[in-house]
Amino acid sequence: MSTLSNYPRLANPHIRLNGPVDLGMYNSFRSVMNNPPDEELVVAMTTLGGDPEVARVMGEDIRLFGEQTGHNVLFLGKVAVYSAGATFMSYFRRENRFLTHGTRLLIHERQMQRRVELVGPLRVCVTQLRAVLHELEESIRIEEEGFLNLIDQSAIPLHDVQEHAPHNWYIEAEEAKRLGLVLDVI
C-alpha cells in the first residue's frame, strides 16, 4: 500500500461524487465540469451503484475533457465503487485509477426487471417480443464494452469477468491492484 505522499493531488479532489449514480450526481458532476480547473483533474467517488447510462455519460464527459485539454484525469475510489461506479471508473486510464485501502469494487451484470404482456394479433405479439429481445441483446453489447474498458491493460481476461459478473464479483483494493485494474492503493 502506498502513502498519500506518493500522490499528493489525490488529497484534495476537485469533484467528490457520493451516493447513487443518478441525475442528481450527474448535475453535481457537471457543475464542476462546466468550470474545470486548468490542471490535472481529480475525481473521487463512493457509490453503491445506480444508473449505468448516467455512469456512461459522465465517463464520456471525462474522456472528452481529457482529449480536449490534454490534462490527466485521476480517479480515486473510496470505500465502495459498486456497479455503475465501476462503469464510471472504466473510462479512466488504468494508470490514472486509484483506490483507498479497504475499498471494494463490485462488478456484475446489468439487471432488468420487466413484465412482458402480449396483446393483439399474433404478428404484433412477435414484434413486441423481438423488441424486448433486441433491447436485451444491445444491453449485453453495451455491458461487454464496459467490461472491456474496465479490464483494458489488466491481467483479467473477458471470460473471467463474464464468469464472475452474474454472481456479484467483489474485488478488494489490493486484489484490484494485483489484477491491474488500478495503478495503486493509498
N, C-alpha and C. Protein backbone atom coordinates (compact mmCIF):
# COMPACT_ATOMS: atom_id res chain seq x y z
N MET A 1 0.83 -1.17 0.00
CA MET A 1 0.00 0.00 0.00
C MET A 1 0.88 1.24 0.00
N SER A 2 0.60 2.18 -0.90
CA SER A 2 1.35 3.42 -0.99
C SER A 2 0.79 4.45 -0.03
N THR A 3 1.58 5.47 0.21
CA THR A 3 1.10 6.56 1.05
C THR A 3 0.60 7.69 0.17
N LEU A 4 -0.21 8.53 0.75
CA LEU A 4 -0.76 9.66 0.01
C LEU A 4 0.34 10.60 -0.46
N SER A 5 1.48 10.60 0.24
CA SER A 5 2.59 11.48 -0.17
C SER A 5 3.12 11.10 -1.56
N ASN A 6 2.89 9.86 -1.98
CA ASN A 6 3.29 9.45 -3.34
C ASN A 6 2.41 10.09 -4.41
N TYR A 7 1.18 10.44 -4.04
CA TYR A 7 0.21 11.01 -4.98
C TYR A 7 -0.50 12.19 -4.32
N PRO A 8 0.20 13.29 -4.11
CA PRO A 8 -0.38 14.41 -3.33
C PRO A 8 -1.65 15.00 -3.93
N ARG A 9 -1.82 14.96 -5.24
CA ARG A 9 -3.03 15.55 -5.85
C ARG A 9 -4.31 14.83 -5.41
N LEU A 10 -4.19 13.58 -5.01
CA LEU A 10 -5.38 12.82 -4.60
C LEU A 10 -5.94 13.30 -3.26
N ALA A 11 -5.17 14.07 -2.50
CA ALA A 11 -5.60 14.52 -1.18
C ALA A 11 -6.76 15.51 -1.24
N ASN A 12 -6.90 16.22 -2.33
CA ASN A 12 -7.94 17.24 -2.43
C ASN A 12 -8.64 17.16 -3.78
N PRO A 13 -9.55 16.18 -3.94
CA PRO A 13 -10.22 16.02 -5.23
C PRO A 13 -11.03 17.25 -5.63
N HIS A 14 -11.04 17.53 -6.92
CA HIS A 14 -11.85 18.63 -7.45
C HIS A 14 -13.33 18.27 -7.45
N ILE A 15 -13.62 17.00 -7.69
CA ILE A 15 -15.01 16.52 -7.75
C ILE A 15 -15.14 15.36 -6.76
N ARG A 16 -16.14 15.46 -5.90
CA ARG A 16 -16.41 14.40 -4.91
C ARG A 16 -17.82 13.88 -5.19
N LEU A 17 -17.90 12.66 -5.66
CA LEU A 17 -19.18 12.05 -6.01
C LEU A 17 -19.52 11.00 -4.96
N ASN A 18 -20.64 11.21 -4.26
CA ASN A 18 -21.07 10.30 -3.20
C ASN A 18 -22.54 9.99 -3.37
N GLY A 19 -22.90 8.73 -3.20
CA GLY A 19 -24.30 8.34 -3.28
C GLY A 19 -24.61 7.64 -4.57
N PRO A 20 -25.91 7.54 -4.88
CA PRO A 20 -26.31 6.80 -6.07
C PRO A 20 -25.89 7.51 -7.36
N VAL A 21 -25.50 6.73 -8.35
CA VAL A 21 -25.21 7.28 -9.68
C VAL A 21 -26.56 7.54 -10.33
N ASP A 22 -26.92 8.81 -10.35
CA ASP A 22 -28.22 9.21 -10.90
C ASP A 22 -28.09 10.62 -11.46
N LEU A 23 -29.21 11.19 -11.88
CA LEU A 23 -29.16 12.54 -12.47
C LEU A 23 -28.72 13.59 -11.46
N GLY A 24 -29.00 13.39 -10.19
CA GLY A 24 -28.51 14.31 -9.16
C GLY A 24 -26.99 14.31 -9.11
N MET A 25 -26.39 13.11 -9.15
CA MET A 25 -24.93 13.03 -9.17
C MET A 25 -24.39 13.66 -10.44
N TYR A 26 -25.06 13.41 -11.55
CA TYR A 26 -24.59 13.98 -12.82
C TYR A 26 -24.61 15.50 -12.77
N ASN A 27 -25.67 16.08 -12.22
CA ASN A 27 -25.75 17.53 -12.13
C ASN A 27 -24.64 18.10 -11.25
N SER A 28 -24.34 17.43 -10.15
CA SER A 28 -23.24 17.85 -9.28
C SER A 28 -21.91 17.76 -10.03
N PHE A 29 -21.72 16.67 -10.73
CA PHE A 29 -20.52 16.45 -11.54
C PHE A 29 -20.38 17.54 -12.60
N ARG A 30 -21.48 17.85 -13.31
CA ARG A 30 -21.44 18.85 -14.38
C ARG A 30 -21.16 20.24 -13.84
N SER A 31 -21.59 20.53 -12.60
CA SER A 31 -21.36 21.87 -12.06
C SER A 31 -19.87 22.17 -11.96
N VAL A 32 -19.07 21.15 -11.70
CA VAL A 32 -17.61 21.36 -11.68
C VAL A 32 -17.04 21.26 -13.09
N MET A 33 -17.54 20.31 -13.88
CA MET A 33 -17.01 20.14 -15.23
C MET A 33 -17.29 21.34 -16.13
N ASN A 34 -18.31 22.14 -15.79
CA ASN A 34 -18.57 23.34 -16.58
C ASN A 34 -17.49 24.39 -16.40
N ASN A 35 -16.79 24.36 -15.26
CA ASN A 35 -15.67 25.27 -14.99
C ASN A 35 -14.52 24.48 -14.39
N PRO A 36 -13.92 23.60 -15.18
CA PRO A 36 -12.89 22.71 -14.62
C PRO A 36 -11.60 23.47 -14.30
N PRO A 37 -10.82 22.92 -13.40
CA PRO A 37 -9.52 23.55 -13.10
C PRO A 37 -8.60 23.44 -14.32
N ASP A 38 -7.66 24.32 -14.40
CA ASP A 38 -6.71 24.30 -15.51
C ASP A 38 -5.49 23.49 -15.12
N GLU A 39 -5.74 22.25 -14.74
CA GLU A 39 -4.67 21.36 -14.29
C GLU A 39 -5.21 19.94 -14.31
N GLU A 40 -4.41 19.05 -13.84
CA GLU A 40 -4.84 17.66 -13.67
C GLU A 40 -6.10 17.64 -12.81
N LEU A 41 -7.12 16.91 -13.24
CA LEU A 41 -8.40 16.86 -12.55
C LEU A 41 -8.49 15.57 -11.73
N VAL A 42 -8.94 15.68 -10.48
CA VAL A 42 -9.10 14.51 -9.61
C VAL A 42 -10.57 14.35 -9.28
N VAL A 43 -11.10 13.13 -9.52
CA VAL A 43 -12.48 12.80 -9.23
C VAL A 43 -12.48 11.67 -8.20
N ALA A 44 -13.12 11.92 -7.04
CA ALA A 44 -13.27 10.89 -6.01
C ALA A 44 -14.70 10.39 -6.04
N MET A 45 -14.88 9.08 -5.81
CA MET A 45 -16.22 8.51 -5.86
C MET A 45 -16.41 7.45 -4.79
N THR A 46 -17.59 7.50 -4.16
CA THR A 46 -18.08 6.45 -3.29
C THR A 46 -19.53 6.21 -3.69
N THR A 47 -19.85 4.99 -4.11
CA THR A 47 -21.22 4.71 -4.54
C THR A 47 -21.55 3.24 -4.39
N LEU A 48 -22.81 3.00 -4.09
CA LEU A 48 -23.33 1.63 -4.07
C LEU A 48 -23.95 1.27 -5.41
N GLY A 49 -23.80 2.17 -6.40
CA GLY A 49 -24.26 1.87 -7.75
C GLY A 49 -25.36 2.82 -8.19
N GLY A 50 -26.02 2.44 -9.26
CA GLY A 50 -27.08 3.28 -9.79
C GLY A 50 -27.28 3.04 -11.27
N ASP A 51 -27.56 4.11 -11.98
CA ASP A 51 -27.91 4.05 -13.40
C ASP A 51 -26.65 3.93 -14.27
N PRO A 52 -26.49 2.81 -14.96
CA PRO A 52 -25.28 2.63 -15.77
C PRO A 52 -25.18 3.62 -16.93
N GLU A 53 -26.32 4.10 -17.43
CA GLU A 53 -26.27 5.06 -18.53
C GLU A 53 -25.79 6.42 -18.05
N VAL A 54 -26.14 6.82 -16.83
CA VAL A 54 -25.61 8.06 -16.26
C VAL A 54 -24.10 7.91 -16.07
N ALA A 55 -23.66 6.74 -15.61
CA ALA A 55 -22.22 6.50 -15.45
C ALA A 55 -21.50 6.61 -16.79
N ARG A 56 -22.12 6.10 -17.84
CA ARG A 56 -21.51 6.19 -19.17
C ARG A 56 -21.43 7.63 -19.66
N VAL A 57 -22.48 8.42 -19.40
CA VAL A 57 -22.46 9.83 -19.82
C VAL A 57 -21.35 10.58 -19.09
N MET A 58 -21.23 10.36 -17.78
CA MET A 58 -20.15 11.02 -17.03
C MET A 58 -18.79 10.55 -17.54
N GLY A 59 -18.69 9.27 -17.85
CA GLY A 59 -17.44 8.74 -18.38
C GLY A 59 -17.08 9.36 -19.71
N GLU A 60 -18.05 9.54 -20.57
CA GLU A 60 -17.79 10.20 -21.85
C GLU A 60 -17.35 11.65 -21.64
N ASP A 61 -17.95 12.33 -20.67
CA ASP A 61 -17.52 13.70 -20.35
C ASP A 61 -16.05 13.71 -19.92
N ILE A 62 -15.66 12.74 -19.12
CA ILE A 62 -14.26 12.63 -18.68
C ILE A 62 -13.35 12.38 -19.88
N ARG A 63 -13.75 11.44 -20.72
CA ARG A 63 -12.93 11.11 -21.90
C ARG A 63 -12.76 12.33 -22.79
N LEU A 64 -13.85 13.01 -23.08
CA LEU A 64 -13.79 14.19 -23.95
C LEU A 64 -12.97 15.32 -23.33
N PHE A 65 -13.11 15.51 -22.02
CA PHE A 65 -12.33 16.54 -21.32
C PHE A 65 -10.84 16.25 -21.46
N GLY A 66 -10.45 15.00 -21.23
CA GLY A 66 -9.04 14.62 -21.34
C GLY A 66 -8.51 14.82 -22.75
N GLU A 67 -9.30 14.43 -23.75
CA GLU A 67 -8.87 14.60 -25.14
C GLU A 67 -8.79 16.06 -25.53
N GLN A 68 -9.75 16.86 -25.07
CA GLN A 68 -9.79 18.27 -25.44
C GLN A 68 -8.67 19.08 -24.78
N THR A 69 -8.42 18.81 -23.51
CA THR A 69 -7.46 19.64 -22.76
C THR A 69 -6.07 19.03 -22.71
N GLY A 70 -5.97 17.73 -22.87
CA GLY A 70 -4.68 17.05 -22.71
C GLY A 70 -4.31 16.84 -21.25
N HIS A 71 -5.20 17.21 -20.33
CA HIS A 71 -4.93 17.04 -18.90
C HIS A 71 -5.22 15.61 -18.47
N ASN A 72 -4.45 15.13 -17.52
CA ASN A 72 -4.75 13.86 -16.88
C ASN A 72 -6.00 14.01 -16.04
N VAL A 73 -6.78 12.97 -15.97
CA VAL A 73 -7.94 12.93 -15.09
C VAL A 73 -7.77 11.69 -14.22
N LEU A 74 -7.66 11.92 -12.91
CA LEU A 74 -7.41 10.83 -11.97
C LEU A 74 -8.70 10.42 -11.27
N PHE A 75 -8.83 9.12 -11.03
CA PHE A 75 -9.99 8.56 -10.33
C PHE A 75 -9.51 8.03 -8.99
N LEU A 76 -10.24 8.40 -7.92
CA LEU A 76 -9.97 7.87 -6.59
C LEU A 76 -11.23 7.24 -6.05
N GLY A 77 -11.26 5.92 -5.98
CA GLY A 77 -12.39 5.21 -5.41
C GLY A 77 -12.21 5.07 -3.91
N LYS A 78 -13.27 5.40 -3.17
CA LYS A 78 -13.20 5.38 -1.72
C LYS A 78 -14.32 4.51 -1.16
N VAL A 79 -13.96 3.55 -0.36
CA VAL A 79 -14.85 2.67 0.40
C VAL A 79 -15.62 1.69 -0.49
N ALA A 80 -16.49 2.20 -1.38
CA ALA A 80 -17.30 1.33 -2.23
C ALA A 80 -17.41 1.95 -3.62
N VAL A 81 -17.04 1.18 -4.62
CA VAL A 81 -17.21 1.57 -6.02
C VAL A 81 -17.96 0.41 -6.67
N TYR A 82 -19.27 0.44 -6.51
CA TYR A 82 -20.09 -0.67 -6.92
C TYR A 82 -20.78 -0.37 -8.25
N SER A 83 -20.93 -1.42 -9.04
CA SER A 83 -21.82 -1.43 -10.19
C SER A 83 -21.57 -0.27 -11.14
N ALA A 84 -22.47 0.70 -11.19
CA ALA A 84 -22.31 1.85 -12.09
C ALA A 84 -21.05 2.64 -11.77
N GLY A 85 -20.60 2.58 -10.53
CA GLY A 85 -19.34 3.23 -10.15
C GLY A 85 -18.16 2.59 -10.88
N ALA A 86 -18.18 1.26 -10.99
CA ALA A 86 -17.13 0.56 -11.74
C ALA A 86 -17.22 0.91 -13.22
N THR A 87 -18.45 1.08 -13.72
CA THR A 87 -18.63 1.51 -15.11
C THR A 87 -17.98 2.87 -15.31
N PHE A 88 -18.23 3.82 -14.41
CA PHE A 88 -17.62 5.14 -14.49
C PHE A 88 -16.10 5.03 -14.43
N MET A 89 -15.59 4.24 -13.49
CA MET A 89 -14.14 4.07 -13.35
C MET A 89 -13.51 3.55 -14.63
N SER A 90 -14.25 2.76 -15.40
CA SER A 90 -13.69 2.16 -16.61
C SER A 90 -13.31 3.20 -17.66
N TYR A 91 -13.81 4.42 -17.55
CA TYR A 91 -13.49 5.48 -18.51
C TYR A 91 -12.15 6.16 -18.21
N PHE A 92 -11.54 5.84 -17.08
CA PHE A 92 -10.25 6.39 -16.72
C PHE A 92 -9.17 5.40 -17.14
N ARG A 93 -8.06 5.91 -17.65
CA ARG A 93 -6.95 5.02 -18.00
C ARG A 93 -6.47 4.32 -16.72
N ARG A 94 -6.04 3.09 -16.87
CA ARG A 94 -5.60 2.31 -15.71
C ARG A 94 -4.56 3.04 -14.89
N GLU A 95 -3.64 3.73 -15.54
CA GLU A 95 -2.58 4.43 -14.80
C GLU A 95 -3.10 5.66 -14.05
N ASN A 96 -4.37 5.98 -14.22
CA ASN A 96 -4.98 7.11 -13.52
C ASN A 96 -6.06 6.67 -12.52
N ARG A 97 -6.08 5.37 -12.20
CA ARG A 97 -7.07 4.84 -11.27
C ARG A 97 -6.41 4.48 -9.94
N PHE A 98 -7.04 4.93 -8.85
CA PHE A 98 -6.54 4.66 -7.51
C PHE A 98 -7.72 4.29 -6.62
N LEU A 99 -7.44 3.48 -5.60
CA LEU A 99 -8.43 3.13 -4.59
C LEU A 99 -7.82 3.38 -3.22
N THR A 100 -8.67 3.74 -2.26
CA THR A 100 -8.19 3.83 -0.89
C THR A 100 -8.19 2.43 -0.28
N HIS A 101 -7.37 2.27 0.73
CA HIS A 101 -7.24 0.98 1.41
C HIS A 101 -8.61 0.52 1.88
N GLY A 102 -8.93 -0.74 1.63
CA GLY A 102 -10.18 -1.32 2.07
C GLY A 102 -11.36 -1.11 1.14
N THR A 103 -11.17 -0.35 0.07
CA THR A 103 -12.24 -0.13 -0.88
C THR A 103 -12.58 -1.43 -1.59
N ARG A 104 -13.85 -1.60 -1.91
CA ARG A 104 -14.30 -2.75 -2.68
C ARG A 104 -14.92 -2.28 -3.99
N LEU A 105 -14.60 -3.00 -5.05
CA LEU A 105 -15.27 -2.83 -6.33
C LEU A 105 -16.34 -3.92 -6.42
N LEU A 106 -17.43 -3.60 -7.09
CA LEU A 106 -18.44 -4.61 -7.38
C LEU A 106 -18.70 -4.58 -8.88
N ILE A 107 -18.49 -5.73 -9.50
CA ILE A 107 -18.75 -5.89 -10.92
C ILE A 107 -19.85 -6.93 -11.06
N HIS A 108 -20.89 -6.56 -11.76
CA HIS A 108 -21.97 -7.51 -12.00
C HIS A 108 -22.63 -7.21 -13.33
N GLU A 109 -23.48 -8.13 -13.75
CA GLU A 109 -24.21 -7.94 -14.99
C GLU A 109 -25.29 -6.88 -14.81
N ARG A 110 -25.64 -6.24 -15.91
CA ARG A 110 -26.78 -5.32 -15.89
C ARG A 110 -28.03 -6.10 -15.49
N GLN A 111 -28.94 -5.40 -14.89
CA GLN A 111 -30.17 -6.02 -14.41
C GLN A 111 -31.36 -5.51 -15.23
N MET A 112 -32.35 -6.35 -15.35
CA MET A 112 -33.59 -5.93 -16.00
C MET A 112 -34.74 -6.59 -15.26
N GLN A 113 -35.76 -5.80 -15.03
CA GLN A 113 -36.98 -6.36 -14.48
C GLN A 113 -38.12 -5.82 -15.34
N ARG A 114 -38.75 -6.71 -16.03
CA ARG A 114 -39.81 -6.30 -16.94
C ARG A 114 -40.83 -7.43 -17.06
N ARG A 115 -42.04 -7.02 -17.11
CA ARG A 115 -43.13 -7.94 -17.37
C ARG A 115 -43.55 -7.71 -18.82
N VAL A 116 -43.61 -8.76 -19.60
CA VAL A 116 -44.00 -8.64 -21.00
C VAL A 116 -45.43 -9.16 -21.12
N GLU A 117 -46.29 -8.27 -21.58
CA GLU A 117 -47.69 -8.64 -21.79
C GLU A 117 -47.96 -8.59 -23.28
N LEU A 118 -48.33 -9.69 -23.82
CA LEU A 118 -48.60 -9.77 -25.26
C LEU A 118 -50.09 -9.57 -25.49
N VAL A 119 -50.40 -8.55 -26.29
CA VAL A 119 -51.79 -8.20 -26.55
C VAL A 119 -51.92 -7.87 -28.03
N GLY A 120 -52.86 -8.49 -28.68
CA GLY A 120 -53.12 -8.15 -30.07
C GLY A 120 -52.90 -9.33 -30.99
N PRO A 121 -52.92 -9.04 -32.29
CA PRO A 121 -52.70 -10.10 -33.29
C PRO A 121 -51.34 -10.77 -33.09
N LEU A 122 -51.24 -12.00 -33.51
CA LEU A 122 -50.02 -12.78 -33.29
C LEU A 122 -48.78 -12.11 -33.86
N ARG A 123 -48.87 -11.53 -35.05
CA ARG A 123 -47.71 -10.87 -35.65
C ARG A 123 -47.27 -9.66 -34.81
N VAL A 124 -48.21 -8.97 -34.24
CA VAL A 124 -47.89 -7.85 -33.35
C VAL A 124 -47.19 -8.38 -32.10
N CYS A 125 -47.65 -9.50 -31.58
CA CYS A 125 -47.02 -10.12 -30.40
C CYS A 125 -45.57 -10.50 -30.70
N VAL A 126 -45.33 -11.06 -31.88
CA VAL A 126 -43.96 -11.41 -32.28
C VAL A 126 -43.10 -10.15 -32.33
N THR A 127 -43.64 -9.07 -32.88
CA THR A 127 -42.90 -7.80 -32.96
C THR A 127 -42.57 -7.29 -31.56
N GLN A 128 -43.52 -7.38 -30.64
CA GLN A 128 -43.28 -6.95 -29.26
C GLN A 128 -42.16 -7.76 -28.62
N LEU A 129 -42.18 -9.07 -28.82
CA LEU A 129 -41.13 -9.92 -28.26
C LEU A 129 -39.76 -9.62 -28.88
N ARG A 130 -39.74 -9.39 -30.20
CA ARG A 130 -38.48 -9.06 -30.86
C ARG A 130 -37.89 -7.76 -30.31
N ALA A 131 -38.75 -6.79 -30.03
CA ALA A 131 -38.28 -5.52 -29.49
C ALA A 131 -37.60 -5.72 -28.13
N VAL A 132 -38.18 -6.55 -27.28
CA VAL A 132 -37.57 -6.85 -25.98
C VAL A 132 -36.27 -7.61 -26.17
N LEU A 133 -36.26 -8.57 -27.06
CA LEU A 133 -35.04 -9.33 -27.34
C LEU A 133 -33.93 -8.41 -27.84
N HIS A 134 -34.25 -7.49 -28.75
CA HIS A 134 -33.24 -6.55 -29.25
C HIS A 134 -32.71 -5.66 -28.13
N GLU A 135 -33.58 -5.24 -27.22
CA GLU A 135 -33.13 -4.44 -26.08
C GLU A 135 -32.16 -5.23 -25.22
N LEU A 136 -32.47 -6.50 -24.98
CA LEU A 136 -31.57 -7.35 -24.19
C LEU A 136 -30.23 -7.53 -24.90
N GLU A 137 -30.26 -7.82 -26.18
CA GLU A 137 -29.02 -8.04 -26.93
C GLU A 137 -28.16 -6.79 -26.95
N GLU A 138 -28.76 -5.63 -27.15
CA GLU A 138 -27.99 -4.39 -27.18
C GLU A 138 -27.44 -4.06 -25.80
N SER A 139 -28.20 -4.32 -24.77
CA SER A 139 -27.72 -4.10 -23.40
C SER A 139 -26.54 -5.00 -23.08
N ILE A 140 -26.56 -6.21 -23.56
CA ILE A 140 -25.43 -7.12 -23.37
C ILE A 140 -24.20 -6.60 -24.10
N ARG A 141 -24.37 -6.07 -25.32
CA ARG A 141 -23.23 -5.49 -26.05
C ARG A 141 -22.64 -4.29 -25.31
N ILE A 142 -23.50 -3.43 -24.79
CA ILE A 142 -23.04 -2.26 -24.03
C ILE A 142 -22.31 -2.72 -22.78
N GLU A 143 -22.87 -3.71 -22.10
CA GLU A 143 -22.23 -4.25 -20.90
C GLU A 143 -20.83 -4.78 -21.21
N GLU A 144 -20.73 -5.53 -22.30
CA GLU A 144 -19.44 -6.11 -22.68
C GLU A 144 -18.42 -5.02 -23.03
N GLU A 145 -18.85 -3.95 -23.70
CA GLU A 145 -17.95 -2.82 -23.98
C GLU A 145 -17.40 -2.25 -22.67
N GLY A 146 -18.28 -2.11 -21.68
CA GLY A 146 -17.85 -1.60 -20.37
C GLY A 146 -16.86 -2.53 -19.69
N PHE A 147 -17.13 -3.83 -19.75
CA PHE A 147 -16.20 -4.80 -19.17
C PHE A 147 -14.84 -4.71 -19.85
N LEU A 148 -14.84 -4.58 -21.17
CA LEU A 148 -13.57 -4.48 -21.90
C LEU A 148 -12.81 -3.21 -21.52
N ASN A 149 -13.51 -2.09 -21.36
CA ASN A 149 -12.86 -0.85 -20.91
C ASN A 149 -12.24 -1.04 -19.53
N LEU A 150 -12.99 -1.67 -18.64
CA LEU A 150 -12.54 -1.85 -17.26
C LEU A 150 -11.28 -2.70 -17.19
N ILE A 151 -11.23 -3.76 -17.97
CA ILE A 151 -10.10 -4.71 -17.85
C ILE A 151 -8.95 -4.41 -18.80
N ASP A 152 -9.09 -3.36 -19.63
CA ASP A 152 -8.01 -2.99 -20.54
C ASP A 152 -6.72 -2.77 -19.74
N GLN A 153 -5.64 -3.34 -20.17
CA GLN A 153 -4.31 -3.27 -19.55
C GLN A 153 -4.23 -4.03 -18.21
N SER A 154 -5.22 -4.88 -17.94
CA SER A 154 -5.18 -5.65 -16.70
C SER A 154 -4.84 -7.10 -17.02
N ALA A 155 -4.73 -7.90 -15.97
CA ALA A 155 -4.45 -9.33 -16.13
C ALA A 155 -5.73 -10.15 -16.21
N ILE A 156 -6.86 -9.50 -16.34
CA ILE A 156 -8.15 -10.21 -16.32
C ILE A 156 -8.65 -10.41 -17.75
N PRO A 157 -8.84 -11.66 -18.15
CA PRO A 157 -9.46 -11.90 -19.46
C PRO A 157 -10.97 -11.70 -19.38
N LEU A 158 -11.58 -11.34 -20.49
CA LEU A 158 -13.01 -11.08 -20.53
C LEU A 158 -13.82 -12.27 -20.02
N HIS A 159 -13.41 -13.48 -20.36
CA HIS A 159 -14.20 -14.65 -19.92
C HIS A 159 -14.25 -14.76 -18.41
N ASP A 160 -13.22 -14.28 -17.69
CA ASP A 160 -13.27 -14.29 -16.22
C ASP A 160 -14.35 -13.34 -15.71
N VAL A 161 -14.43 -12.16 -16.31
CA VAL A 161 -15.47 -11.20 -15.91
C VAL A 161 -16.84 -11.80 -16.20
N GLN A 162 -17.00 -12.38 -17.38
CA GLN A 162 -18.29 -12.97 -17.74
C GLN A 162 -18.66 -14.12 -16.81
N GLU A 163 -17.68 -14.82 -16.30
CA GLU A 163 -17.93 -15.93 -15.38
C GLU A 163 -18.33 -15.42 -13.99
N HIS A 164 -17.66 -14.37 -13.51
CA HIS A 164 -17.90 -13.87 -12.15
C HIS A 164 -19.05 -12.88 -12.06
N ALA A 165 -19.29 -12.09 -13.10
CA ALA A 165 -20.26 -11.00 -13.04
C ALA A 165 -21.69 -11.43 -12.70
N PRO A 166 -22.17 -12.59 -13.17
CA PRO A 166 -23.55 -12.96 -12.82
C PRO A 166 -23.76 -13.19 -11.32
N HIS A 167 -22.67 -13.35 -10.58
CA HIS A 167 -22.76 -13.69 -9.16
C HIS A 167 -22.27 -12.57 -8.25
N ASN A 168 -22.21 -11.33 -8.75
CA ASN A 168 -21.71 -10.19 -7.98
C ASN A 168 -20.26 -10.41 -7.56
N TRP A 169 -19.35 -9.92 -8.36
CA TRP A 169 -17.91 -10.09 -8.13
C TRP A 169 -17.39 -8.90 -7.35
N TYR A 170 -17.07 -9.14 -6.07
CA TYR A 170 -16.47 -8.12 -5.21
C TYR A 170 -14.96 -8.27 -5.28
N ILE A 171 -14.28 -7.16 -5.50
CA ILE A 171 -12.82 -7.17 -5.60
C ILE A 171 -12.28 -6.14 -4.60
N GLU A 172 -11.48 -6.60 -3.66
CA GLU A 172 -10.86 -5.73 -2.66
C GLU A 172 -9.74 -4.93 -3.32
N ALA A 173 -9.43 -3.76 -2.77
CA ALA A 173 -8.49 -2.82 -3.37
C ALA A 173 -7.14 -3.46 -3.72
N GLU A 174 -6.55 -4.18 -2.79
CA GLU A 174 -5.23 -4.79 -3.06
C GLU A 174 -5.31 -5.81 -4.20
N GLU A 175 -6.41 -6.57 -4.25
CA GLU A 175 -6.59 -7.52 -5.35
C GLU A 175 -6.77 -6.77 -6.67
N ALA A 176 -7.51 -5.66 -6.64
CA ALA A 176 -7.70 -4.86 -7.85
C ALA A 176 -6.35 -4.36 -8.37
N LYS A 177 -5.46 -3.99 -7.46
CA LYS A 177 -4.12 -3.56 -7.87
C LYS A 177 -3.35 -4.74 -8.45
N ARG A 178 -3.39 -5.88 -7.77
CA ARG A 178 -2.67 -7.07 -8.23
C ARG A 178 -3.16 -7.50 -9.61
N LEU A 179 -4.46 -7.38 -9.85
CA LEU A 179 -5.03 -7.77 -11.14
C LEU A 179 -4.81 -6.73 -12.24
N GLY A 180 -4.34 -5.54 -11.85
CA GLY A 180 -4.07 -4.50 -12.83
C GLY A 180 -5.27 -3.64 -13.17
N LEU A 181 -6.31 -3.64 -12.32
CA LEU A 181 -7.47 -2.78 -12.56
C LEU A 181 -7.19 -1.33 -12.16
N VAL A 182 -6.31 -1.15 -11.19
CA VAL A 182 -5.94 0.19 -10.72
C VAL A 182 -4.42 0.26 -10.62
N LEU A 183 -3.91 1.49 -10.62
CA LEU A 183 -2.47 1.67 -10.52
C LEU A 183 -1.99 1.41 -9.09
N ASP A 184 -2.74 1.95 -8.11
CA ASP A 184 -2.24 1.84 -6.74
C ASP A 184 -3.36 1.97 -5.73
N VAL A 185 -3.03 1.57 -4.50
CA VAL A 185 -3.91 1.68 -3.34
C VAL A 185 -3.24 2.63 -2.37
N ILE A 186 -4.01 3.62 -1.89
CA ILE A 186 -3.42 4.59 -0.94
C ILE A 186 -4.15 4.58 0.39
